[in-house]
């Protein structure tokens, strides 16, 4: 189980496209695919057109160069 130190939260994320496996999100000035299996509790993003908080594993955020 991941701890809060192992996750990162992004605010004001927009989901612009969704598939059965992943969602395409705008985080800051980047568009990135987030696997649905990596969207953690506390997230408000699940499908296209939604906007809000996104909680993902820190390792994924680092791999996507989001910070």
Protein backbone atom coordinates (compact mmCIF):
# COMPACT_ATOMS: atom_id res chain seq x y z
CA UNK A 1 0.00 0.00 0.00
CA UNK A 2 1.26 3.47 -0.83
CA UNK A 3 1.70 6.06 1.87
CA UNK A 4 1.05 9.77 1.46
CA UNK A 5 4.80 10.26 0.87
CA UNK A 6 4.56 7.87 -2.08
CA UNK A 7 1.80 9.84 -3.81
CA UNK A 8 1.51 13.33 -5.25
CA UNK A 9 -1.56 15.49 -5.69
CA UNK A 10 -2.17 17.83 -8.61
CA UNK A 11 -4.94 20.41 -8.53
CA UNK A 12 -6.98 21.84 -11.40
CA UNK A 13 -6.25 18.88 -13.70
CA UNK A 14 -8.44 18.55 -16.79
CA UNK A 15 -9.28 15.20 -18.37
CA UNK A 16 -9.60 15.68 -22.13
CA UNK A 17 -9.91 12.08 -23.33
CA UNK A 18 -10.60 8.70 -21.81
CA UNK A 19 -10.20 5.09 -22.87
CA UNK A 20 -10.84 1.86 -21.01
CA UNK A 21 -7.17 1.74 -19.95
CA UNK A 22 -6.15 5.38 -19.37
CA UNK A 23 -7.14 9.04 -19.33
CA UNK A 24 -5.42 11.89 -21.14
CA UNK A 25 -4.99 14.76 -18.71
CA UNK A 26 -3.70 18.30 -18.86
CA UNK A 27 -1.43 18.90 -15.88
CA UNK A 28 0.13 22.34 -15.96
CA UNK A 29 1.26 22.79 -19.55
CA UNK A 30 1.66 19.05 -20.29
CA UNK A 31 -0.70 16.46 -21.72
CA UNK A 32 -0.06 13.03 -20.24
CA UNK A 33 -1.73 9.63 -20.29
CA UNK A 34 -2.50 8.33 -16.80
CA UNK A 35 -3.31 4.62 -16.49
CA UNK A 36 -6.64 4.15 -14.71
CA UNK A 37 -4.95 1.69 -12.34
CA UNK A 38 -2.68 4.53 -11.13
CA UNK A 39 -5.47 6.96 -10.16
CA UNK A 40 -5.64 6.88 -6.38
CA UNK A 41 -8.31 7.58 -3.78
CA UNK A 42 -8.99 11.28 -3.37
CA UNK A 43 -8.89 11.94 -7.11
CA UNK A 44 -11.76 13.79 -8.76
CA UNK A 45 -10.69 12.86 -12.30
CA UNK A 46 -12.13 9.72 -13.89
CA UNK A 47 -13.50 10.62 -17.34
CA UNK A 48 -13.40 13.12 -20.20
CA UNK A 49 -14.66 16.58 -19.31
CA UNK A 50 -13.90 16.34 -15.60
CA UNK A 51 -11.64 18.81 -13.83
CA UNK A 52 -10.21 18.73 -10.34
CA UNK A 53 -7.73 16.96 -8.10
CA UNK A 54 -5.62 14.02 -9.31
CA UNK A 55 -3.66 11.77 -6.93
CA UNK A 56 -1.07 9.47 -8.50
CA UNK A 57 2.06 7.61 -7.37
CA UNK A 58 5.13 9.83 -7.02
CA UNK A 59 7.17 7.42 -9.19
CA UNK A 60 4.66 7.85 -12.06
CA UNK A 61 4.77 11.64 -11.73
CA UNK A 62 8.56 11.51 -11.84
CA UNK A 63 8.55 9.19 -14.89
CA UNK A 64 6.19 11.60 -16.68
CA UNK A 65 8.47 14.52 -15.68
CA UNK A 66 5.60 16.38 -14.00
CA UNK A 67 8.02 17.93 -11.48
